[in-house]
Amino acid sequence: MGNERKSEAASPWTPEQVRWLRRLILSVALLLVALFLWRIRSILPLFFLGFFLAYLLDPLVDRLQERGLSRTAATGVVFALFALLALSVLVLVLPPLIGQATELVQGCLPPKGRYYLLAQEGLNAIERRLLKGDLPPFVEQSLQQIGEQLGKWLLASLQGILSSLSGLLSLILVPLIAFYALQIYDPLRERVRWWVPPEYREVGATLLRDISALVGRYVRGYLALCLVVGITDIAFLTICQQLFGMQFALAIGALGGTSYAIPYFGAIVTTLTGVLAAYTTAQHHPVLCALVVAVGLIAINQVFDWLIMPKVVGQRVGLHPLTVLFAVTAGGTMMGILGMVLAVPVAGAIKIVLQTLLPDHFSPVVNRGEAAKMTATLSNEGGEQG
């Protein structure tokens, strides 16, 4: 006993100093980790994309496992089908899509781009009709500088697109990352579960599992919706191409499907691009072609926005279409475009949390009799408490 007391008394560190030393070591370790992540930030998107792909494919792998396949075999089957689909897109769709997109962007570049020349004609018309041809010198210089800056920006954008296309070879790593991420997906989820304190572990695991499943259904449903919108736009613009001889049906349709993930903004960009392409490339009746394209693209987006999207996405996340419309509108009011994108999964997550933490108040009601019974039960409980 005496030796133990002597050794304790000889220690130069007090308990408070030991706690502060641990905090300092932890802070330095976190700082080093943050610095390390900052230095390798260029490769992090590839790993995020790989894990996100694994997250989307995990339910398919789980279903194959339930049918008797091993995790590795199920992952191989899913990736074989995914690779076949991706290869078909790369061979059949990507080359003409890149060609049309490149030509469409080049049409905006000075000095001979068709959209650049159209903008010049518009400015000249404004000068002749509104300003009677008398523009002050500083206005002409300002317009010239704006045109030059716009041309430089479009040229830089085109070069960025081409450089990103050349960098697509690095995406070969994404399937490999997703493949190995699927191998550790379930063990990693269990490890995270054990980080939660025991008293909250079951409730936390249930909430995390339900919210993860909801977000996965939402993302897969929205991706499918974007694909359907793109196919619909391509089909409609192909008909316009046959009737009026316009170009870029594939590129504009792909733009419509991709940008549909951004509410309102995507529809506006797609419609304006389609109208410009129709007016400048139609072989006959360009004005009528532009009008038909504008009406058609607006109608397609309105049908999907107000009729199909709330019902399909609402069913995916267990929300009523009216709730989906309210969530999207409220999210747009609070946070703009980002709020619109995040509104539905956040609303679904809030519903799951309320149903888990307050099951008596937010459990689904099947019929009127159950609603009356629930109301009477809550009233009785309130009376007894009073």
Protein backbone atom coordinates (compact mmCIF):
# COMPACT_ATOMS: atom_id res chain seq x y z
CA MET A 1 0.00 0.00 0.00
CA GLY A 2 2.82 2.37 0.88
CA ASN A 3 4.57 1.78 -2.43
CA GLU A 4 1.37 2.45 -4.36
CA ARG A 5 0.80 5.75 -2.55
CA LYS A 6 4.38 6.72 -3.17
CA SER A 7 4.12 6.04 -6.90
CA GLU A 8 0.87 7.98 -7.12
CA ALA A 9 2.37 10.92 -5.28
CA ALA A 10 5.41 10.88 -7.54
CA SER A 11 3.32 11.31 -10.71
CA PRO A 12 3.92 14.76 -12.27
CA TRP A 13 0.46 14.82 -13.94
CA THR A 14 -2.76 15.67 -12.18
CA PRO A 15 -6.06 14.10 -13.42
CA GLU A 16 -7.11 17.46 -14.84
CA GLN A 17 -3.83 17.75 -16.76
CA VAL A 18 -4.27 14.22 -18.10
CA ARG A 19 -7.76 15.11 -19.37
CA TRP A 20 -6.45 18.24 -21.07
CA LEU A 21 -3.58 16.25 -22.58
CA ARG A 22 -6.02 13.76 -24.05
CA ARG A 23 -8.11 16.58 -25.47
CA LEU A 24 -4.99 18.15 -26.99
CA ILE A 25 -3.93 14.84 -28.56
CA LEU A 26 -7.45 14.32 -29.94
CA SER A 27 -7.53 17.86 -31.35
CA VAL A 28 -4.15 17.41 -33.03
CA ALA A 29 -5.26 14.05 -34.46
CA LEU A 30 -8.46 15.60 -35.86
CA LEU A 31 -6.44 18.48 -37.31
CA LEU A 32 -4.07 16.03 -39.00
CA VAL A 33 -7.00 14.04 -40.40
CA ALA A 34 -8.59 17.24 -41.74
CA LEU A 35 -5.28 18.28 -43.30
CA PHE A 36 -4.87 14.83 -44.84
CA LEU A 37 -8.39 14.95 -46.32
CA TRP A 38 -7.72 18.43 -47.68
CA ARG A 39 -4.54 17.26 -49.40
CA ILE A 40 -6.33 14.32 -51.08
CA ARG A 41 -9.54 16.24 -51.82
CA SER A 42 -9.17 15.65 -55.58
CA ILE A 43 -9.80 11.90 -55.23
CA LEU A 44 -12.52 12.06 -52.57
CA PRO A 45 -15.40 12.54 -55.09
CA LEU A 46 -14.51 9.21 -56.68
CA PHE A 47 -14.84 7.43 -53.33
CA PHE A 48 -18.03 9.31 -52.47
CA LEU A 49 -19.48 8.32 -55.82
CA GLY A 50 -18.39 4.71 -55.32
CA PHE A 51 -19.98 4.48 -51.86
CA PHE A 52 -23.13 6.20 -53.15
CA LEU A 53 -23.36 3.65 -55.96
CA ALA A 54 -22.91 0.86 -53.39
CA TYR A 55 -25.68 2.44 -51.30
CA LEU A 56 -28.06 2.39 -54.27
CA LEU A 57 -27.19 -1.19 -55.28
CA ASP A 58 -27.19 -2.67 -51.78
CA PRO A 59 -30.93 -3.60 -51.79
CA LEU A 60 -30.47 -5.62 -55.00
CA VAL A 61 -27.50 -7.44 -53.51
CA ASP A 62 -29.49 -8.15 -50.32
CA ARG A 63 -32.34 -9.65 -52.35
CA LEU A 64 -29.97 -11.95 -54.19
CA GLN A 65 -28.46 -12.97 -50.86
CA GLU A 66 -31.92 -13.87 -49.59
CA ARG A 67 -32.19 -16.26 -52.53
CA GLY A 68 -29.09 -18.16 -51.48
CA LEU A 69 -26.19 -16.39 -53.18
CA SER A 70 -23.12 -15.32 -51.26
CA ARG A 71 -22.36 -11.64 -50.83
CA THR A 72 -19.53 -11.79 -53.37
CA ALA A 73 -21.59 -13.72 -55.93
CA ALA A 74 -24.58 -11.40 -55.53
CA THR A 75 -22.34 -8.37 -55.96
CA GLY A 76 -20.81 -9.92 -59.09
CA VAL A 77 -24.22 -10.56 -60.65
CA VAL A 78 -25.42 -7.02 -59.95
CA PHE A 79 -22.23 -5.49 -61.32
CA ALA A 80 -22.33 -7.67 -64.43
CA LEU A 81 -25.81 -6.35 -65.24
CA PHE A 82 -24.75 -2.80 -64.38
CA ALA A 83 -21.63 -3.07 -66.56
CA LEU A 84 -23.67 -4.41 -69.49
CA LEU A 85 -26.09 -1.48 -69.22
CA ALA A 86 -23.26 1.05 -68.87
CA LEU A 87 -21.42 -0.44 -71.85
CA SER A 88 -24.55 -0.21 -73.99
CA VAL A 89 -24.94 3.46 -73.07
CA LEU A 90 -21.27 4.19 -73.76
CA VAL A 91 -21.35 2.54 -77.19
CA LEU A 92 -24.79 3.53 -78.46
CA VAL A 93 -25.73 6.80 -76.75
CA LEU A 94 -22.62 8.59 -75.53
CA PRO A 95 -20.80 9.27 -78.86
CA PRO A 96 -23.73 11.05 -80.60
CA LEU A 97 -24.62 12.78 -77.33
CA ILE A 98 -21.09 14.19 -76.95
CA GLY A 99 -21.09 15.29 -80.61
CA GLN A 100 -24.41 17.12 -80.31
CA ALA A 101 -23.50 18.70 -76.96
CA THR A 102 -20.15 19.93 -78.29
CA GLU A 103 -21.76 21.40 -81.40
CA LEU A 104 -24.46 23.01 -79.27
CA VAL A 105 -21.89 24.68 -77.02
CA GLN A 106 -19.77 25.77 -79.99
CA GLY A 107 -22.82 27.50 -81.40
CA CYS A 108 -22.58 29.99 -78.54
CA LEU A 109 -18.95 30.92 -79.21
CA PRO A 110 -17.86 34.01 -81.14
CA PRO A 111 -17.28 34.95 -83.84
CA LYS A 112 -19.34 32.53 -85.99
CA GLY A 113 -21.52 30.66 -83.52
CA ARG A 114 -25.15 30.71 -84.57
CA TYR A 115 -26.39 31.76 -81.12
CA TYR A 116 -23.70 34.41 -80.84
CA LEU A 117 -24.73 35.82 -84.23
CA LEU A 118 -28.38 35.68 -83.17
CA ALA A 119 -27.56 37.69 -80.05
CA GLN A 120 -25.71 40.22 -82.21
CA GLU A 121 -28.74 40.54 -84.47
CA GLY A 122 -30.92 41.13 -81.41
CA LEU A 123 -28.65 43.88 -80.16
CA ASN A 124 -28.57 45.49 -83.58
CA ALA A 125 -32.37 45.39 -83.75
CA ILE A 126 -32.60 47.07 -80.35
CA GLU A 127 -30.13 49.69 -81.49
CA ARG A 128 -32.05 50.43 -84.69
CA ARG A 129 -35.60 50.38 -83.36
CA LEU A 130 -35.35 51.62 -79.80
CA LEU A 131 -32.22 53.76 -79.77
CA LYS A 132 -32.49 55.01 -83.38
CA GLY A 133 -28.94 53.87 -84.08
CA ASP A 134 -27.41 56.42 -81.70
CA LEU A 135 -25.52 54.52 -79.03
CA PRO A 136 -23.10 56.42 -76.83
CA PRO A 137 -19.49 55.26 -77.23
CA PHE A 138 -19.24 53.97 -73.64
CA VAL A 139 -22.36 51.79 -74.20
CA GLU A 140 -20.85 50.24 -77.33
CA GLN A 141 -17.59 49.58 -75.49
CA SER A 142 -19.47 48.02 -72.56
CA LEU A 143 -21.45 45.74 -74.89
CA GLN A 144 -18.27 44.74 -76.67
CA GLN A 145 -16.55 43.92 -73.38
CA ILE A 146 -19.55 41.91 -72.21
CA GLY A 147 -19.52 39.97 -75.46
CA GLU A 148 -15.81 39.26 -75.15
CA GLN A 149 -16.13 38.14 -71.53
CA LEU A 150 -19.11 35.95 -72.40
CA GLY A 151 -17.17 34.39 -75.25
CA LYS A 152 -14.19 33.69 -73.00
CA TRP A 153 -16.46 32.15 -70.37
CA LEU A 154 -18.20 29.91 -72.90
CA LEU A 155 -14.86 28.89 -74.37
CA ALA A 156 -13.54 28.04 -70.90
CA SER A 157 -16.73 26.07 -70.21
CA LEU A 158 -16.29 24.11 -73.42
CA GLN A 159 -12.66 23.38 -72.57
CA GLY A 160 -13.74 22.27 -69.09
CA ILE A 161 -16.33 19.92 -70.57
CA LEU A 162 -13.79 18.42 -72.94
CA SER A 163 -11.20 18.04 -70.19
CA SER A 164 -13.75 16.39 -67.93
CA LEU A 165 -14.63 13.99 -70.73
CA SER A 166 -10.96 13.12 -71.08
CA GLY A 167 -10.85 12.60 -67.32
CA LEU A 168 -13.67 10.05 -67.45
CA LEU A 169 -11.02 7.34 -67.54
CA SER A 170 -10.52 7.93 -63.84
CA LEU A 171 -14.12 6.78 -63.30
CA ILE A 172 -12.93 3.24 -63.94
CA LEU A 173 -12.07 3.29 -60.25
CA VAL A 174 -15.69 3.97 -59.25
CA PRO A 175 -17.03 0.44 -60.00
CA LEU A 176 -14.08 -1.07 -58.14
CA ILE A 177 -14.69 1.19 -55.15
CA ALA A 178 -18.40 0.36 -55.20
CA PHE A 179 -17.69 -3.38 -55.49
CA TYR A 180 -15.45 -3.45 -52.42
CA ALA A 181 -17.70 -1.00 -50.56
CA LEU A 182 -20.57 -3.46 -50.96
CA GLN A 183 -18.43 -6.12 -49.29
CA ILE A 184 -18.03 -4.03 -46.14
CA TYR A 185 -21.39 -2.22 -46.26
CA ASP A 186 -23.22 -4.40 -43.72
CA PRO A 187 -20.24 -4.86 -41.31
CA LEU A 188 -19.61 -1.10 -41.41
CA ARG A 189 -23.25 -0.42 -40.61
CA GLU A 190 -23.05 -2.78 -37.63
CA ARG A 191 -19.87 -1.11 -36.43
CA VAL A 192 -21.54 2.32 -36.55
CA ARG A 193 -24.49 0.83 -34.64
CA TRP A 194 -22.22 -0.22 -31.77
CA TRP A 195 -20.85 3.32 -31.49
CA VAL A 196 -24.28 4.43 -30.25
CA PRO A 197 -24.84 4.23 -26.44
CA PRO A 198 -26.70 1.01 -25.46
CA GLU A 199 -29.81 2.80 -24.19
CA TYR A 200 -30.34 4.44 -27.59
CA ARG A 201 -29.00 1.64 -29.76
CA GLU A 202 -32.26 -0.09 -30.74
CA VAL A 203 -34.24 3.08 -31.37
CA GLY A 204 -31.30 4.65 -33.20
CA ALA A 205 -30.76 1.55 -35.34
CA THR A 206 -34.45 1.46 -36.27
CA LEU A 207 -34.51 5.14 -37.17
CA LEU A 208 -31.27 4.91 -39.14
CA ARG A 209 -32.45 1.84 -41.03
CA ASP A 210 -35.87 3.33 -41.87
CA ILE A 211 -34.47 6.72 -42.88
CA SER A 212 -31.73 5.10 -44.97
CA ALA A 213 -34.32 2.94 -46.74
CA LEU A 214 -36.52 6.01 -47.33
CA VAL A 215 -33.68 8.08 -48.78
CA GLY A 216 -32.64 5.16 -50.98
CA ARG A 217 -36.18 4.74 -52.33
CA TYR A 218 -36.41 8.48 -52.93
CA VAL A 219 -33.10 8.68 -54.81
CA ARG A 220 -33.85 5.61 -56.93
CA GLY A 221 -37.36 6.88 -57.66
CA TYR A 222 -36.12 10.35 -58.61
CA LEU A 223 -33.39 8.93 -60.84
CA ALA A 224 -36.00 6.78 -62.59
CA LEU A 225 -38.20 9.88 -62.94
CA CYS A 226 -35.31 11.86 -64.48
CA LEU A 227 -34.72 9.00 -66.92
CA VAL A 228 -38.39 8.96 -67.95
CA VAL A 229 -38.40 12.75 -68.38
CA GLY A 230 -35.29 12.57 -70.56
CA ILE A 231 -36.77 9.79 -72.73
CA THR A 232 -40.03 11.73 -73.07
CA ASP A 233 -38.19 14.91 -74.09
CA ILE A 234 -36.08 13.00 -76.61
CA ALA A 235 -39.18 11.35 -78.11
CA PHE A 236 -41.00 14.70 -78.39
CA LEU A 237 -38.01 16.51 -79.89
CA THR A 238 -37.42 13.64 -82.34
CA ILE A 239 -40.98 14.17 -83.61
CA CYS A 240 -40.22 17.89 -83.99
CA GLN A 241 -37.03 16.94 -85.82
CA GLN A 242 -39.01 14.84 -88.27
CA LEU A 243 -41.61 17.58 -88.79
CA PHE A 244 -39.41 20.68 -88.94
CA GLY A 245 -35.88 19.36 -89.47
CA MET A 246 -34.46 20.77 -86.20
CA GLN A 247 -31.29 19.36 -84.62
CA PHE A 248 -29.94 18.44 -81.19
CA ALA A 249 -32.93 16.35 -80.07
CA LEU A 250 -30.72 13.89 -78.17
CA ALA A 251 -28.60 16.56 -76.43
CA ILE A 252 -31.56 18.70 -75.37
CA GLY A 253 -33.52 15.66 -74.20
CA ALA A 254 -30.54 14.49 -72.14
CA LEU A 255 -30.25 18.01 -70.70
CA GLY A 256 -33.94 17.89 -69.79
CA GLY A 257 -33.62 14.56 -67.99
CA THR A 258 -30.45 15.55 -66.15
CA SER A 259 -31.60 19.00 -65.10
CA TYR A 260 -35.04 17.76 -63.98
CA ALA A 261 -33.38 16.99 -60.62
CA ILE A 262 -33.25 20.80 -60.12
CA PRO A 263 -36.89 21.95 -59.82
CA TYR A 264 -37.99 24.85 -62.05
CA PHE A 265 -34.46 25.87 -62.99
CA GLY A 266 -33.91 22.71 -65.03
CA ALA A 267 -37.18 23.18 -66.89
CA ILE A 268 -36.36 26.82 -67.72
CA VAL A 269 -32.87 25.98 -69.02
CA THR A 270 -34.16 23.07 -71.10
CA THR A 271 -37.00 25.09 -72.60
CA LEU A 272 -34.78 28.06 -73.51
CA THR A 273 -32.16 25.76 -75.05
CA GLY A 274 -34.81 23.88 -77.01
CA VAL A 275 -36.39 27.08 -78.32
CA LEU A 276 -33.02 28.47 -79.46
CA ALA A 277 -32.09 25.19 -81.15
CA ALA A 278 -35.48 24.95 -82.85
CA TYR A 279 -35.38 28.53 -84.14
CA THR A 280 -31.79 28.36 -85.44
CA THR A 281 -31.68 24.81 -86.84
CA ALA A 282 -35.18 24.16 -88.19
CA GLN A 283 -35.09 23.72 -91.96
CA HIS A 284 -38.56 25.20 -92.41
CA HIS A 285 -41.07 27.15 -90.29
CA PRO A 286 -38.51 28.01 -87.57
CA VAL A 287 -40.88 30.28 -85.64
CA LEU A 288 -43.62 27.62 -85.56
CA CYS A 289 -41.04 25.00 -84.58
CA ALA A 290 -39.78 27.15 -81.70
CA LEU A 291 -43.35 27.73 -80.52
CA VAL A 292 -44.22 24.01 -80.65
CA VAL A 293 -41.01 23.09 -78.78
CA ALA A 294 -41.67 25.71 -76.09
CA VAL A 295 -45.27 24.58 -75.53
CA GLY A 296 -44.34 20.90 -75.62
CA LEU A 297 -41.41 21.09 -73.17
CA ILE A 298 -43.37 23.30 -70.76
CA ALA A 299 -46.32 20.89 -70.90
CA ILE A 300 -44.10 17.84 -70.27
CA ASN A 301 -42.45 19.46 -67.25
CA GLN A 302 -45.76 20.66 -65.82
CA VAL A 303 -47.32 17.21 -66.12
CA PHE A 304 -44.37 15.59 -64.37
CA ASP A 305 -44.08 18.35 -61.74
CA TRP A 306 -47.71 18.46 -60.65
CA LEU A 307 -49.16 15.05 -61.51
CA ILE A 308 -46.53 12.32 -61.80
CA MET A 309 -43.71 13.43 -59.47
CA PRO A 310 -45.83 13.98 -56.31
CA LYS A 311 -47.57 10.62 -56.73
CA VAL A 312 -44.52 8.53 -57.68
CA VAL A 313 -42.07 10.13 -55.24
CA GLY A 314 -44.74 10.36 -52.54
CA GLN A 315 -45.39 6.63 -52.77
CA ARG A 316 -41.65 5.97 -52.59
CA VAL A 317 -41.26 7.87 -49.33
CA GLY A 318 -44.73 7.19 -47.89
CA LEU A 319 -46.02 10.75 -48.21
CA HIS A 320 -49.30 12.04 -49.58
CA PRO A 321 -48.95 13.96 -52.89
CA LEU A 322 -50.28 17.08 -51.16
CA THR A 323 -47.55 16.75 -48.52
CA VAL A 324 -44.94 16.41 -51.28
CA LEU A 325 -46.17 19.58 -52.99
CA PHE A 326 -46.18 21.46 -49.68
CA ALA A 327 -42.68 20.21 -48.78
CA VAL A 328 -41.21 21.18 -52.16
CA THR A 329 -42.84 24.64 -52.03
CA ALA A 330 -41.75 25.24 -48.43
CA GLY A 331 -38.21 24.01 -49.14
CA GLY A 332 -37.94 26.35 -52.12
CA THR A 333 -39.16 29.28 -50.01
CA MET A 334 -36.63 28.58 -47.24
CA MET A 335 -33.51 27.43 -49.14
CA GLY A 336 -34.15 27.91 -52.85
CA ILE A 337 -33.19 25.15 -55.28
CA LEU A 338 -31.30 23.15 -52.65
CA GLY A 339 -34.36 23.25 -50.40
CA MET A 340 -36.53 21.86 -53.20
CA VAL A 341 -34.15 18.96 -53.75
CA LEU A 342 -33.90 18.09 -50.05
CA ALA A 343 -37.52 18.82 -49.07
CA VAL A 344 -39.08 15.41 -49.77
CA PRO A 345 -36.50 13.17 -48.04
CA VAL A 346 -36.39 15.55 -45.06
CA ALA A 347 -40.20 15.47 -44.80
CA GLY A 348 -40.15 11.67 -45.01
CA ALA A 349 -37.44 11.47 -42.33
CA ILE A 350 -39.47 13.75 -40.03
CA LYS A 351 -42.49 11.49 -40.51
CA ILE A 352 -40.45 8.40 -39.57
CA VAL A 353 -39.03 10.10 -36.46
CA LEU A 354 -42.49 11.18 -35.32
CA GLN A 355 -43.97 7.74 -35.91
CA THR A 356 -41.11 6.12 -33.97
CA LEU A 357 -40.99 8.50 -31.01
CA LEU A 358 -44.74 9.24 -30.79
CA PRO A 359 -46.46 6.12 -32.19
CA ASP A 360 -49.83 6.82 -30.53
CA HIS A 361 -50.16 10.24 -32.12
CA PHE A 362 -48.66 9.67 -35.57
CA SER A 363 -49.43 6.04 -36.39
CA PRO A 364 -51.37 5.57 -39.66
CA VAL A 365 -55.15 5.42 -39.34
CA VAL A 366 -56.91 2.82 -41.52
CA ASN A 367 -60.58 3.75 -41.20
CA ARG A 368 -62.98 6.11 -39.51
CA GLY A 369 -63.74 3.69 -36.68
CA GLU A 370 -60.08 3.49 -35.71
CA ALA A 371 -59.81 7.27 -35.87
CA ALA A 372 -62.79 7.65 -33.50
CA LYS A 373 -61.39 4.98 -31.18
CA MET A 374 -57.98 6.69 -31.10
CA THR A 375 -59.60 10.07 -30.37
CA ALA A 376 -61.68 8.59 -27.53
CA THR A 377 -58.62 6.89 -26.03
CA LEU A 378 -56.58 10.08 -26.07
CA SER A 379 -59.52 12.02 -24.56
CA ASN A 380 -59.89 9.46 -21.76
CA GLU A 381 -56.17 9.58 -21.02
CA GLY A 382 -56.33 13.36 -20.87
CA GLY A 383 -59.35 13.21 -18.52
CA GLU A 384 -57.66 10.72 -16.18
CA GLN A 385 -54.55 12.88 -16.03
CA GLY A 386 -56.71 15.91 -15.26
